Amino acid sequence: MTEHPVVHENVSLKALNGFGIDVAARFLVRIESVEELQAVLENTQLPSQRLILGGGSNVLFLGDYDGLVLHVAIKGRQFSSEDDDFRYVSVGAGENWHELVRWTVEQGLGGLENLSLIPGKAGAAPIQNIGAYGVELSQRFHELSAVRLGDGATSTMDATACEFSYRDSVFKDPATNDLLIASLVLKLPKRWEPVLGYRGLDEQLKELGIEQPDPRAISDAVCTLRKHKLPDPAVLGNAGSFFKNPTVDRDAWNELQAVEPKIVAFPEQQGQIKIAAASLIELCGWKGYREGDAGVSDKHALILVNHGDATGAQVHALARRIRDSVEERFHIRLEPEPVIIGAKPTF
């Protein structure tokens, strides 16, 4: 028989969100298994308003949470099976993502190395469809196990059911966000080939004198690049990239280039152009900007930061001002990457 996990009251969430925003949850339960979660869902004394939280690396709290936080801490990782093309890795949602990546590359297995040093837990990876340096999670994803909070029922979801797109998935849809990801299965290709097309990564490897990199060498190079560009959330509160990189068609891109040739962009499929949101923000003069303890990183204009005691509302207000200034100058409306807790559905 599964024991009911301890319910904590009035718990600080400062250590459970990347921005380090000092907010509290009315109730919090640490979930270490599906059985524990189901026991909590059967407790009618707890509020029906629930928030799923892992490492909090991609959330912004605007205030205290007057409900029940389900802190996902389901552990476990193992090679579960293989076929002619892939080795499959089963991972608990509470596993640290970067530690998982390093665990695979240290065994000489490729596939996840470009996703090194992304903060957060494994369970958050499908929600955001995390991506970096030319690789997205959806390319390495096989399936996941989820629990419906309404009735505790479990289900297995493949990539089609997850509806992956750029930094998005079905789990960010308000109509389906009652699904808690308990575990996932990733697929690592046996016929591995390095993905080096992203600007900067190939150059970093050449600087190190590495012409034929293995997965570990690529992971090391990615870590070096990320440490150079991105502040450590443990030192300077942040949630990584705050805005998505917008995509425009070729005609719109030509018009933008005519107005501002310094905009950085990358070709996408079907004639689309992905614009580096950081370049738009920097051209609007926001890089290194600070207003109280809310600010923009001086390393990378896409990173909003908490210099110490900023509130979520102050970070949110700054983000909206940045969005509005970019839209006014370039007629492009930036969309946020983090989940904003306490905001209306529209940013």
C-alpha atoms as a PDB file:
ATOM      1  CA  MET A   1       0.000   0.000   0.000  1.00  0.00           C
ATOM      2  CA  THR A   2       1.394   3.389  -0.993  1.00  0.00           C
ATOM      3  CA  GLU A   3       1.822   5.871   1.850  1.00  0.00           C
ATOM      4  CA  HIS A   4       0.462   9.356   1.289  1.00  0.00           C
ATOM      5  CA  PRO A   5       3.377  11.780   0.791  1.00  0.00           C
ATOM      6  CA  VAL A   6       3.799  14.673   3.209  1.00  0.00           C
ATOM      7  CA  VAL A   7       1.824  17.811   2.398  1.00  0.00           C
ATOM      8  CA  HIS A   8       3.808  20.981   3.164  1.00  0.00           C
ATOM      9  CA  GLU A   9       2.057  24.306   3.783  1.00  0.00           C
ATOM     10  CA  ASN A  10       3.170  27.845   2.924  1.00  0.00           C
ATOM     11  CA  VAL A  11       6.350  26.709   1.182  1.00  0.00           C
ATOM     12  CA  SER A  12       8.819  29.116  -0.415  1.00  0.00           C
ATOM     13  CA  LEU A  13       9.356  28.460  -4.123  1.00  0.00           C
ATOM     14  CA  LYS A  14      12.431  30.667  -4.427  1.00  0.00           C
ATOM     15  CA  ALA A  15      14.734  27.664  -4.831  1.00  0.00           C
ATOM     16  CA  LEU A  16      12.312  25.998  -7.250  1.00  0.00           C
ATOM     17  CA  ASN A  17      12.309  28.592 -10.021  1.00  0.00           C
ATOM     18  CA  GLY A  18      15.188  29.680 -12.217  1.00  0.00           C
ATOM     19  CA  PHE A  19      14.474  33.391 -11.768  1.00  0.00           C
ATOM     20  CA  GLY A  20      14.754  32.982  -7.996  1.00  0.00           C
ATOM     21  CA  ILE A  21      11.517  34.907  -7.516  1.00  0.00           C
ATOM     22  CA  ASP A  22      10.564  34.943  -3.838  1.00  0.00           C
ATOM     23  CA  VAL A  23       7.030  33.517  -3.896  1.00  0.00           C
ATOM     24  CA  ALA A  24       5.281  30.831  -1.886  1.00  0.00           C
ATOM     25  CA  ALA A  25       2.860  27.976  -2.483  1.00  0.00           C
ATOM     26  CA  ARG A  26      -0.107  27.392  -0.210  1.00  0.00           C
ATOM     27  CA  PHE A  27       0.553  23.636  -0.407  1.00  0.00           C
ATOM     28  CA  LEU A  28       3.388  21.572  -1.892  1.00  0.00           C
ATOM     29  CA  VAL A  29       3.835  17.820  -2.254  1.00  0.00           C
ATOM     30  CA  ARG A  30       6.997  16.115  -3.480  1.00  0.00           C
ATOM     31  CA  ILE A  31       6.020  13.353  -5.930  1.00  0.00           C
ATOM     32  CA  GLU A  32       8.485  10.453  -6.215  1.00  0.00           C
ATOM     33  CA  SER A  33       6.284   7.866  -7.966  1.00  0.00           C
ATOM     34  CA  VAL A  34       3.084   7.525  -9.965  1.00  0.00           C
ATOM     35  CA  GLU A  35       1.524   5.728  -6.992  1.00  0.00           C
ATOM     36  CA  GLU A  36       2.291   8.677  -4.716  1.00  0.00           C
ATOM     37  CA  LEU A  37       0.724  11.057  -7.228  1.00  0.00           C
ATOM     38  CA  GLN A  38      -2.417   8.954  -7.446  1.00  0.00           C
ATOM     39  CA  ALA A  39      -2.659   8.903  -3.629  1.00  0.00           C
ATOM     40  CA  VAL A  40      -2.441  12.705  -3.567  1.00  0.00           C
ATOM     41  CA  LEU A  41      -5.143  13.011  -6.235  1.00  0.00           C
ATOM     42  CA  GLU A  42      -7.457  10.915  -4.065  1.00  0.00           C
ATOM     43  CA  ASN A  43      -7.075  13.374  -1.160  1.00  0.00           C
ATOM     44  CA  THR A  44     -10.238  15.483  -1.330  1.00  0.00           C
ATOM     45  CA  GLN A  45      -8.939  17.799   1.420  1.00  0.00           C
ATOM     46  CA  LEU A  46      -6.396  19.347  -0.954  1.00  0.00           C
ATOM     47  CA  PRO A  47      -7.311  22.152  -3.384  1.00  0.00           C
ATOM     48  CA  SER A  48      -8.271  21.220  -6.933  1.00  0.00           C
ATOM     49  CA  GLN A  49      -6.112  24.041  -8.283  1.00  0.00           C
ATOM     50  CA  ARG A  50      -2.789  22.358  -9.045  1.00  0.00           C
ATOM     51  CA  LEU A  51       0.532  23.330 -10.587  1.00  0.00           C
ATOM     52  CA  ILE A  52       3.071  20.830 -11.926  1.00  0.00           C
ATOM     53  CA  LEU A  53       6.620  21.961 -11.132  1.00  0.00           C
ATOM     54  CA  GLY A  54       9.967  20.293 -11.771  1.00  0.00           C
ATOM     55  CA  GLY A  55      13.107  22.405 -11.594  1.00  0.00           C
ATOM     56  CA  GLY A  56      11.232  25.612 -12.428  1.00  0.00           C
ATOM     57  CA  SER A  57      13.776  26.462 -15.125  1.00  0.00           C
ATOM     58  CA  ASN A  58      11.153  27.716 -17.556  1.00  0.00           C
ATOM     59  CA  VAL A  59       8.564  29.495 -15.405  1.00  0.00           C
ATOM     60  CA  LEU A  60       7.967  33.028 -14.191  1.00  0.00           C
ATOM     61  CA  PHE A  61       5.825  33.476 -11.079  1.00  0.00           C
ATOM     62  CA  LEU A  62       3.932  36.760 -10.860  1.00  0.00           C
ATOM     63  CA  GLY A  63       2.933  36.122  -7.262  1.00  0.00           C
ATOM     64  CA  ASP A  64       2.215  33.492  -4.626  1.00  0.00           C
ATOM     65  CA  TYR A  65       0.471  30.322  -5.785  1.00  0.00           C
ATOM     66  CA  ASP A  66      -2.787  29.761  -3.904  1.00  0.00           C
ATOM     67  CA  GLY A  67      -3.109  26.080  -4.679  1.00  0.00           C
ATOM     68  CA  LEU A  68      -1.252  22.763  -4.628  1.00  0.00           C
ATOM     69  CA  VAL A  69       2.189  22.488  -6.216  1.00  0.00           C
ATOM     70  CA  LEU A  70       3.071  18.985  -7.389  1.00  0.00           C
ATOM     71  CA  HIS A  71       6.867  18.939  -7.238  1.00  0.00           C
ATOM     72  CA  VAL A  72       7.912  16.144  -9.604  1.00  0.00           C
ATOM     73  CA  ALA A  73      10.901  14.164  -8.299  1.00  0.00           C
ATOM     74  CA  ILE A  74      10.444  10.795 -10.033  1.00  0.00           C
ATOM     75  CA  LYS A  75      13.923   9.349 -10.549  1.00  0.00           C
ATOM     76  CA  GLY A  76      15.475   6.567 -12.597  1.00  0.00           C
ATOM     77  CA  ARG A  77      17.350   6.138 -15.866  1.00  0.00           C
ATOM     78  CA  GLN A  78      18.288   3.011 -17.766  1.00  0.00           C
ATOM     79  CA  PHE A  79      18.805   1.597 -21.232  1.00  0.00           C
ATOM     80  CA  SER A  80      15.532  -0.226 -21.693  1.00  0.00           C
ATOM     81  CA  SER A  81      15.759  -1.790 -25.166  1.00  0.00           C
ATOM     82  CA  GLU A  82      17.206  -1.520 -28.660  1.00  0.00           C
ATOM     83  CA  ASP A  83      16.430  -2.332 -32.272  1.00  0.00           C
ATOM     84  CA  ASP A  84      18.374  -2.118 -35.523  1.00  0.00           C
ATOM     85  CA  ASP A  85      18.377   1.666 -35.517  1.00  0.00           C
ATOM     86  CA  PHE A  86      18.174   2.922 -31.927  1.00  0.00           C
ATOM     87  CA  ARG A  87      19.035   2.370 -28.302  1.00  0.00           C
ATOM     88  CA  TYR A  88      16.164   3.401 -26.036  1.00  0.00           C
ATOM     89  CA  VAL A  89      16.676   5.183 -22.722  1.00  0.00           C
ATOM     90  CA  SER A  90      13.919   5.280 -20.074  1.00  0.00           C
ATOM     91  CA  VAL A  91      14.087   8.338 -17.826  1.00  0.00           C
ATOM     92  CA  GLY A  92      12.144   9.488 -14.770  1.00  0.00           C
ATOM     93  CA  ALA A  93      10.677  12.979 -15.116  1.00  0.00           C
ATOM     94  CA  GLY A  94      12.566  14.194 -12.044  1.00  0.00           C
ATOM     95  CA  GLU A  95      16.030  13.421 -13.419  1.00  0.00           C
ATOM     96  CA  ASN A  96      18.322  16.394 -14.047  1.00  0.00           C
ATOM     97  CA  TRP A  97      18.444  16.919 -17.827  1.00  0.00           C
ATOM     98  CA  HIS A  98      22.114  17.838 -18.161  1.00  0.00           C
ATOM     99  CA  GLU A  99      23.218  14.969 -15.935  1.00  0.00           C
ATOM    100  CA  LEU A 100      21.230  12.639 -18.195  1.00  0.00           C
ATOM    101  CA  VAL A 101      22.972  14.013 -21.279  1.00  0.00           C
ATOM    102  CA  ARG A 102      26.402  13.583 -19.721  1.00  0.00           C
ATOM    103  CA  TRP A 103      25.526  10.062 -18.602  1.00  0.00           C
ATOM    104  CA  THR A 104      24.820   9.100 -22.221  1.00  0.00           C
ATOM    105  CA  VAL A 105      27.878  10.762 -23.785  1.00  0.00           C
ATOM    106  CA  GLU A 106      30.218   9.355 -21.154  1.00  0.00           C
ATOM    107  CA  GLN A 107      29.212   5.938 -22.442  1.00  0.00           C
ATOM    108  CA  GLY A 108      30.044   6.978 -25.994  1.00  0.00           C
ATOM    109  CA  LEU A 109      26.419   7.298 -27.101  1.00  0.00           C
ATOM    110  CA  GLY A 110      25.403  10.176 -29.310  1.00  0.00           C
ATOM    111  CA  GLY A 111      22.135  11.968 -29.885  1.00  0.00           C
ATOM    112  CA  LEU A 112      21.701  14.321 -26.948  1.00  0.00           C
ATOM    113  CA  GLU A 113      25.078  16.087 -26.899  1.00  0.00           C
ATOM    114  CA  ASN A 114      23.828  19.295 -28.578  1.00  0.00           C
ATOM    115  CA  LEU A 115      21.298  19.636 -25.742  1.00  0.00           C
ATOM    116  CA  SER A 116      23.972  19.781 -23.034  1.00  0.00           C
ATOM    117  CA  LEU A 117      23.714  22.195 -20.103  1.00  0.00           C
ATOM    118  CA  ILE A 118      20.052  23.030 -20.674  1.00  0.00           C
ATOM    119  CA  PRO A 119      18.750  23.610 -17.132  1.00  0.00           C
ATOM    120  CA  GLY A 120      15.769  21.783 -15.686  1.00  0.00           C
ATOM    121  CA  LYS A 121      14.373  18.297 -15.331  1.00  0.00           C
ATOM    122  CA  ALA A 122      13.788  15.626 -17.966  1.00  0.00           C
ATOM    123  CA  GLY A 123      10.024  15.890 -17.570  1.00  0.00           C
ATOM    124  CA  ALA A 124      10.075  19.497 -18.741  1.00  0.00           C
ATOM    125  CA  ALA A 125      11.919  18.665 -21.955  1.00  0.00           C
ATOM    126  CA  PRO A 126       8.841  17.499 -23.919  1.00  0.00           C
ATOM    127  CA  ILE A 127       6.683  20.371 -22.639  1.00  0.00           C
ATOM    128  CA  GLN A 128       9.003  22.934 -24.157  1.00  0.00           C
ATOM    129  CA  ASN A 129      10.347  20.673 -26.909  1.00  0.00           C
ATOM    130  CA  ILE A 130      13.755  21.919 -25.843  1.00  0.00           C
ATOM    131  CA  GLY A 131      16.293  22.586 -28.540  1.00  0.00           C
ATOM    132  CA  ALA A 132      19.780  23.951 -29.035  1.00  0.00           C
ATOM    133  CA  TYR A 133      22.538  24.002 -31.640  1.00  0.00           C
ATOM    134  CA  GLY A 134      20.482  22.379 -34.378  1.00  0.00           C
ATOM    135  CA  VAL A 135      18.788  19.593 -32.391  1.00  0.00           C
ATOM    136  CA  GLU A 136      15.323  19.447 -30.844  1.00  0.00           C
ATOM    137  CA  LEU A 137      14.030  16.943 -28.326  1.00  0.00           C
ATOM    138  CA  SER A 138      11.356  15.780 -30.794  1.00  0.00           C
ATOM    139  CA  GLN A 139      14.143  14.318 -32.965  1.00  0.00           C
ATOM    140  CA  ARG A 140      15.264  12.073 -30.091  1.00  0.00           C
ATOM    141  CA  PHE A 141      11.853  11.348 -28.589  1.00  0.00           C
ATOM    142  CA  HIS A 142      10.098   7.974 -28.625  1.00  0.00           C
ATOM    143  CA  GLU A 143       7.245   8.128 -26.100  1.00  0.00           C
ATOM    144  CA  LEU A 144       6.270   9.236 -22.613  1.00  0.00           C
ATOM    145  CA  SER A 145       4.020   8.146 -19.773  1.00  0.00           C
ATOM    146  CA  ALA A 146       1.597  10.741 -18.392  1.00  0.00           C
ATOM    147  CA  VAL A 147      -0.927  10.855 -15.566  1.00  0.00           C
ATOM    148  CA  ARG A 148      -4.212  12.749 -15.908  1.00  0.00           C
ATOM    149  CA  LEU A 149      -4.754  14.850 -12.804  1.00  0.00           C
ATOM    150  CA  GLY A 150      -8.519  14.684 -13.085  1.00  0.00           C
ATOM    151  CA  ASP A 151      -8.780  10.959 -12.372  1.00  0.00           C
ATOM    152  CA  GLY A 152      -5.225   9.597 -11.988  1.00  0.00           C
ATOM    153  CA  ALA A 153      -5.428   7.560 -15.199  1.00  0.00           C
ATOM    154  CA  THR A 154      -2.127   6.831 -16.981  1.00  0.00           C
ATOM    155  CA  SER A 155      -1.491   6.887 -20.703  1.00  0.00           C
ATOM    156  CA  THR A 156       1.372   6.474 -23.154  1.00  0.00           C
ATOM    157  CA  MET A 157       1.879   9.218 -25.741  1.00  0.00           C
ATOM    158  CA  ASP A 158       4.017   9.102 -28.877  1.00  0.00           C
ATOM    159  CA  ALA A 159       5.423  12.092 -30.748  1.00  0.00           C
ATOM    160  CA  THR A 160       2.250  12.582 -32.787  1.00  0.00           C
ATOM    161  CA  ALA A 161       0.121  12.768 -29.648  1.00  0.00           C
ATOM    162  CA  CYS A 162       2.545  15.286 -28.122  1.00  0.00           C
ATOM    163  CA  GLU A 163       2.065  17.662 -31.090  1.00  0.00           C
ATOM    164  CA  PHE A 164       5.637  18.963 -31.002  1.00  0.00           C
ATOM    165  CA  SER A 165       6.501  22.224 -32.714  1.00  0.00           C
ATOM    166  CA  TYR A 166       9.092  24.943 -32.173  1.00  0.00           C
ATOM    167  CA  ARG A 167       9.417  25.316 -28.360  1.00  0.00           C
ATOM    168  CA  ASP A 168       5.886  24.017 -27.984  1.00  0.00           C
ATOM    169  CA  SER A 169       3.779  20.915 -27.411  1.00  0.00           C
ATOM    170  CA  VAL A 170       0.285  19.822 -26.455  1.00  0.00           C
ATOM    171  CA  PHE A 171       1.299  20.165 -22.791  1.00  0.00           C
ATOM    172  CA  LYS A 172       1.342  23.976 -23.074  1.00  0.00           C
ATOM    173  CA  ASP A 173      -2.288  24.022 -24.241  1.00  0.00           C
ATOM    174  CA  PRO A 174      -4.524  25.169 -21.333  1.00  0.00           C
ATOM    175  CA  ALA A 175      -7.105  22.557 -22.391  1.00  0.00           C
ATOM    176  CA  THR A 176      -4.663  19.678 -21.863  1.00  0.00           C
ATOM    177  CA  ASN A 177      -2.284  20.927 -19.186  1.00  0.00           C
ATOM    178  CA  ASP A 178      -3.751  18.566 -16.597  1.00  0.00           C
ATOM    179  CA  LEU A 179      -1.303  15.899 -17.748  1.00  0.00           C
ATOM    180  CA  LEU A 180       1.706  15.241 -15.522  1.00  0.00           C
ATOM    181  CA  ILE A 181       4.654  13.662 -17.334  1.00  0.00           C
ATOM    182  CA  ALA A 182       5.965  10.813 -15.182  1.00  0.00           C
ATOM    183  CA  SER A 183       8.662   9.367 -17.461  1.00  0.00           C
ATOM    184  CA  LEU A 184       9.869   9.392 -21.032  1.00  0.00           C
ATOM    185  CA  VAL A 185      11.719   7.158 -23.457  1.00  0.00           C
ATOM    186  CA  LEU A 186      14.365   8.667 -25.731  1.00  0.00           C
ATOM    187  CA  LYS A 187      15.904   7.071 -28.807  1.00  0.00           C
ATOM    188  CA  LEU A 188      19.626   7.350 -29.496  1.00  0.00           C
ATOM    189  CA  PRO A 189      20.709   6.547 -33.068  1.00  0.00           C
ATOM    190  CA  LYS A 190      23.143   3.669 -33.560  1.00  0.00           C
ATOM    191  CA  ARG A 191      24.380   5.240 -36.789  1.00  0.00           C
ATOM    192  CA  TRP A 192      25.230   8.532 -35.134  1.00  0.00           C
ATOM    193  CA  GLU A 193      26.302  11.575 -37.105  1.00  0.00           C
ATOM    194  CA  PRO A 194      27.373  14.880 -35.525  1.00  0.00           C
ATOM    195  CA  VAL A 195      25.131  17.934 -35.984  1.00  0.00           C
ATOM    196  CA  LEU A 196      27.524  20.827 -36.455  1.00  0.00           C
ATOM    197  CA  GLY A 197      25.641  23.229 -38.712  1.00  0.00           C
ATOM    198  CA  TYR A 198      24.803  25.747 -36.011  1.00  0.00           C
ATOM    199  CA  ARG A 199      26.966  28.852 -36.150  1.00  0.00           C
ATOM    200  CA  GLY A 200      29.594  28.875 -33.442  1.00  0.00           C
ATOM    201  CA  LEU A 201      29.664  25.189 -32.607  1.00  0.00           C
ATOM    202  CA  ASP A 202      31.855  24.123 -35.516  1.00  0.00           C
ATOM    203  CA  GLU A 203      34.107  27.124 -34.865  1.00  0.00           C
ATOM    204  CA  GLN A 204      34.461  26.180 -31.195  1.00  0.00           C
ATOM    205  CA  LEU A 205      35.531  22.649 -32.122  1.00  0.00           C
ATOM    206  CA  LYS A 206      38.079  23.962 -34.630  1.00  0.00           C
ATOM    207  CA  GLU A 207      39.525  26.268 -31.966  1.00  0.00           C
ATOM    208  CA  LEU A 208      40.028  23.172 -29.820  1.00  0.00           C
ATOM    209  CA  GLY A 209      41.750  21.422 -32.743  1.00  0.00           C
ATOM    210  CA  ILE A 210      39.025  18.758 -33.017  1.00  0.00           C
ATOM    211  CA  GLU A 211      38.250  17.817 -36.625  1.00  0.00           C
ATOM    212  CA  GLN A 212      36.312  14.598 -36.035  1.00  0.00           C
ATOM    213  CA  PRO A 213      34.433  15.117 -32.767  1.00  0.00           C
ATOM    214  CA  ASP A 214      32.749  12.364 -30.799  1.00  0.00           C
ATOM    215  CA  PRO A 215      29.589  13.008 -28.719  1.00  0.00           C
ATOM    216  CA  ARG A 216      31.587  13.921 -25.629  1.00  0.00           C
ATOM    217  CA  ALA A 217      33.682  16.497 -27.495  1.00  0.00           C
ATOM    218  CA  ILE A 218      30.531  18.118 -28.875  1.00  0.00           C
ATOM    219  CA  SER A 219      28.947  18.151 -25.413  1.00  0.00           C
ATOM    220  CA  ASP A 220      32.061  19.811 -23.991  1.00  0.00           C
ATOM    221  CA  ALA A 221      32.024  22.426 -26.765  1.00  0.00           C
ATOM    222  CA  VAL A 222      28.327  23.160 -26.237  1.00  0.00           C
ATOM    223  CA  CYS A 223      28.935  23.579 -22.498  1.00  0.00           C
ATOM    224  CA  THR A 224      31.743  26.031 -23.187  1.00  0.00           C
ATOM    225  CA  LEU A 225      29.557  28.063 -25.544  1.00  0.00           C
ATOM    226  CA  ARG A 226      26.588  28.128 -23.176  1.00  0.00           C
ATOM    227  CA  LYS A 227      28.717  29.163 -20.194  1.00  0.00           C
ATOM    228  CA  HIS A 228      30.176  31.984 -22.253  1.00  0.00           C
ATOM    229  CA  LYS A 229      26.797  33.310 -23.430  1.00  0.00           C
ATOM    230  CA  LEU A 230      24.325  32.390 -20.696  1.00  0.00           C
ATOM    231  CA  PRO A 231      24.407  33.359 -17.008  1.00  0.00           C
ATOM    232  CA  ASP A 232      24.217  30.576 -14.438  1.00  0.00           C
ATOM    233  CA  PRO A 233      20.747  30.678 -12.789  1.00  0.00           C
ATOM    234  CA  ALA A 234      22.367  29.710  -9.491  1.00  0.00           C
ATOM    235  CA  VAL A 235      24.336  32.985  -9.639  1.00  0.00           C
ATOM    236  CA  LEU A 236      22.021  35.299 -11.593  1.00  0.00           C
ATOM    237  CA  GLY A 237      18.354  34.348 -11.705  1.00  0.00           C
ATOM    238  CA  ASN A 238      16.998  33.651 -15.190  1.00  0.00           C
ATOM    239  CA  ALA A 239      14.918  31.225 -17.230  1.00  0.00           C
ATOM    240  CA  GLY A 240      17.186  30.996 -20.246  1.00  0.00           C
ATOM    241  CA  SER A 241      15.875  32.440 -23.495  1.00  0.00           C
ATOM    242  CA  PHE A 242      12.828  34.518 -22.631  1.00  0.00           C
ATOM    243  CA  PHE A 243      11.511  34.939 -26.174  1.00  0.00           C
ATOM    244  CA  LYS A 244      11.089  32.540 -29.070  1.00  0.00           C
ATOM    245  CA  ASN A 245      12.930  33.230 -32.310  1.00  0.00           C
ATOM    246  CA  PRO A 246      10.241  34.428 -34.753  1.00  0.00           C
ATOM    247  CA  THR A 247       9.843  33.021 -38.250  1.00  0.00           C
ATOM    248  CA  VAL A 248       8.964  35.071 -41.339  1.00  0.00           C
ATOM    249  CA  ASP A 249       8.649  34.380 -45.056  1.00  0.00           C
ATOM    250  CA  ARG A 250      11.267  35.403 -47.621  1.00  0.00           C
ATOM    251  CA  ASP A 251       9.461  38.592 -48.698  1.00  0.00           C
ATOM    252  CA  ALA A 252       9.126  39.840 -45.127  1.00  0.00           C
ATOM    253  CA  TRP A 253      12.791  39.020 -44.524  1.00  0.00           C
ATOM    254  CA  ASN A 254      13.883  41.009 -47.569  1.00  0.00           C
ATOM    255  CA  GLU A 255      11.912  44.005 -46.310  1.00  0.00           C
ATOM    256  CA  LEU A 256      13.515  43.706 -42.867  1.00  0.00           C
ATOM    257  CA  GLN A 257      17.008  43.497 -44.326  1.00  0.00           C
ATOM    258  CA  ALA A 258      16.376  46.624 -46.366  1.00  0.00           C
ATOM    259  CA  VAL A 259      15.483  48.476 -43.160  1.00  0.00           C
ATOM    260  CA  GLU A 260      18.115  46.919 -40.880  1.00  0.00           C
ATOM    261  CA  PRO A 261      20.884  44.777 -42.428  1.00  0.00           C
ATOM    262  CA  LYS A 262      22.340  43.909 -38.996  1.00  0.00           C
ATOM    263  CA  ILE A 263      19.477  41.553 -38.122  1.00  0.00           C
ATOM    264  CA  VAL A 264      20.724  37.974 -37.687  1.00  0.00           C
ATOM    265  CA  ALA A 265      18.688  35.155 -39.237  1.00  0.00           C
ATOM    266  CA  PHE A 266      18.881  31.515 -40.305  1.00  0.00           C
ATOM    267  CA  PRO A 267      17.176  29.755 -43.250  1.00  0.00           C
ATOM    268  CA  GLU A 268      14.424  27.290 -42.349  1.00  0.00           C
ATOM    269  CA  GLN A 269      12.465  24.760 -44.379  1.00  0.00           C
ATOM    270  CA  GLN A 270       9.873  25.743 -47.002  1.00  0.00           C
ATOM    271  CA  GLY A 271      11.436  29.136 -47.637  1.00  0.00           C
ATOM    272  CA  GLN A 272      10.944  30.392 -44.091  1.00  0.00           C
ATOM    273  CA  ILE A 273      13.531  32.496 -42.271  1.00  0.00           C
ATOM    274  CA  LYS A 274      14.095  32.211 -38.516  1.00  0.00           C
ATOM    275  CA  ILE A 275      15.176  35.516 -37.013  1.00  0.00           C
ATOM    276  CA  ALA A 276      17.403  35.707 -33.947  1.00  0.00           C
ATOM    277  CA  ALA A 277      15.185  37.496 -31.435  1.00  0.00           C
ATOM    278  CA  ALA A 278      18.321  38.513 -29.538  1.00  0.00           C
ATOM    279  CA  SER A 279      19.454  40.635 -32.488  1.00  0.00           C
ATOM    280  CA  LEU A 280      16.087  42.450 -32.609  1.00  0.00           C
ATOM    281  CA  ILE A 281      16.221  43.135 -28.875  1.00  0.00           C
ATOM    282  CA  GLU A 282      19.836  44.288 -29.027  1.00  0.00           C
ATOM    283  CA  LEU A 283      19.128  46.613 -31.947  1.00  0.00           C
ATOM    284  CA  CYS A 284      16.403  48.193 -29.823  1.00  0.00           C
ATOM    285  CA  GLY A 285      19.033  48.980 -27.187  1.00  0.00           C
ATOM    286  CA  TRP A 286      17.965  46.578 -24.421  1.00  0.00           C
ATOM    287  CA  LYS A 287      21.130  44.506 -23.971  1.00  0.00           C
ATOM    288  CA  GLY A 288      22.549  45.104 -20.495  1.00  0.00           C
ATOM    289  CA  TYR A 289      19.564  47.248 -19.491  1.00  0.00           C
ATOM    290  CA  ARG A 290      18.590  47.259 -15.811  1.00  0.00           C
ATOM    291  CA  GLU A 291      15.556  48.634 -14.036  1.00  0.00           C
ATOM    292  CA  GLY A 292      15.797  47.997 -10.313  1.00  0.00           C
ATOM    293  CA  ASP A 293      16.694  44.317  -9.979  1.00  0.00           C
ATOM    294  CA  ALA A 294      14.996  43.296 -13.232  1.00  0.00           C
ATOM    295  CA  GLY A 295      17.195  43.459 -16.281  1.00  0.00           C
ATOM    296  CA  VAL A 296      18.557  42.089 -19.538  1.00  0.00           C
ATOM    297  CA  SER A 297      21.796  40.122 -19.534  1.00  0.00           C
ATOM    298  CA  ASP A 298      24.864  41.943 -20.834  1.00  0.00           C
ATOM    299  CA  LYS A 299      26.016  38.604 -22.291  1.00  0.00           C
ATOM    300  CA  HIS A 300      22.932  37.783 -24.344  1.00  0.00           C
ATOM    301  CA  ALA A 301      19.982  40.079 -25.071  1.00  0.00           C
ATOM    302  CA  LEU A 302      17.523  37.166 -25.079  1.00  0.00           C
ATOM    303  CA  ILE A 303      18.091  36.506 -21.368  1.00  0.00           C
ATOM    304  CA  LEU A 304      16.056  38.444 -18.810  1.00  0.00           C
ATOM    305  CA  VAL A 305      17.592  38.337 -15.343  1.00  0.00           C
ATOM    306  CA  ASN A 306      16.860  38.908 -11.677  1.00  0.00           C
ATOM    307  CA  HIS A 307      19.753  40.773 -10.089  1.00  0.00           C
ATOM    308  CA  GLY A 308      18.550  39.890  -6.610  1.00  0.00           C
ATOM    309  CA  ASP A 309      15.134  40.953  -5.383  1.00  0.00           C
ATOM    310  CA  ALA A 310      13.090  41.554  -8.521  1.00  0.00           C
ATOM    311  CA  THR A 311       9.475  40.471  -8.384  1.00  0.00           C
ATOM    312  CA  GLY A 312       7.883  38.410 -11.110  1.00  0.00           C
ATOM    313  CA  ALA A 313       5.657  41.368 -11.961  1.00  0.00           C
ATOM    314  CA  GLN A 314       8.728  43.568 -12.526  1.00  0.00           C
ATOM    315  CA  VAL A 315      10.355  41.013 -14.850  1.00  0.00           C
ATOM    316  CA  HIS A 316       7.042  40.587 -16.649  1.00  0.00           C
ATOM    317  CA  ALA A 317       6.595  44.349 -17.106  1.00  0.00           C
ATOM    318  CA  LEU A 318      10.111  44.639 -18.535  1.00  0.00           C
ATOM    319  CA  ALA A 319       9.441  41.748 -20.926  1.00  0.00           C
ATOM    320  CA  ARG A 320       6.291  43.469 -22.200  1.00  0.00           C
ATOM    321  CA  ARG A 321       8.174  46.732 -22.786  1.00  0.00           C
ATOM    322  CA  ILE A 322      10.830  44.863 -24.768  1.00  0.00           C
ATOM    323  CA  ARG A 323       8.153  43.068 -26.781  1.00  0.00           C
ATOM    324  CA  ASP A 324       6.364  46.343 -27.553  1.00  0.00           C
ATOM    325  CA  SER A 325       9.532  48.161 -28.623  1.00  0.00           C
ATOM    326  CA  VAL A 326      10.514  45.335 -31.001  1.00  0.00           C
ATOM    327  CA  GLU A 327       7.018  45.283 -32.469  1.00  0.00           C
ATOM    328  CA  GLU A 328       6.978  49.049 -32.920  1.00  0.00           C
ATOM    329  CA  ARG A 329      10.320  49.084 -34.754  1.00  0.00           C
ATOM    330  CA  PHE A 330      10.236  45.827 -36.724  1.00  0.00           C
ATOM    331  CA  HIS A 331       6.512  44.912 -36.795  1.00  0.00           C
ATOM    332  CA  ILE A 332       7.326  41.520 -35.261  1.00  0.00           C
ATOM    333  CA  ARG A 333       5.586  40.446 -32.070  1.00  0.00           C
ATOM    334  CA  LEU A 334       7.812  38.320 -29.872  1.00  0.00           C
ATOM    335  CA  GLU A 335       6.297  35.421 -27.922  1.00  0.00           C
ATOM    336  CA  PRO A 336       7.588  34.332 -24.493  1.00  0.00           C
ATOM    337  CA  GLU A 337       9.172  30.924 -23.958  1.00  0.00           C
ATOM    338  CA  PRO A 338       8.597  30.549 -20.189  1.00  0.00           C
ATOM    339  CA  VAL A 339       5.250  29.601 -18.706  1.00  0.00           C
ATOM    340  CA  ILE A 340       3.993  32.686 -16.882  1.00  0.00           C
ATOM    341  CA  ILE A 341       2.153  31.671 -13.712  1.00  0.00           C
ATOM    342  CA  GLY A 342      -0.540  34.138 -12.721  1.00  0.00           C
ATOM    343  CA  ALA A 343      -0.929  35.831 -16.095  1.00  0.00           C
ATOM    344  CA  LYS A 344      -3.886  35.803 -18.416  1.00  0.00           C
ATOM    345  CA  PRO A 345      -3.555  33.423 -21.405  1.00  0.00           C
ATOM    346  CA  THR A 346      -2.353  36.304 -23.613  1.00  0.00           C
ATOM    347  CA  PHE A 347       1.118  37.655 -22.827  1.00  0.00           C
END
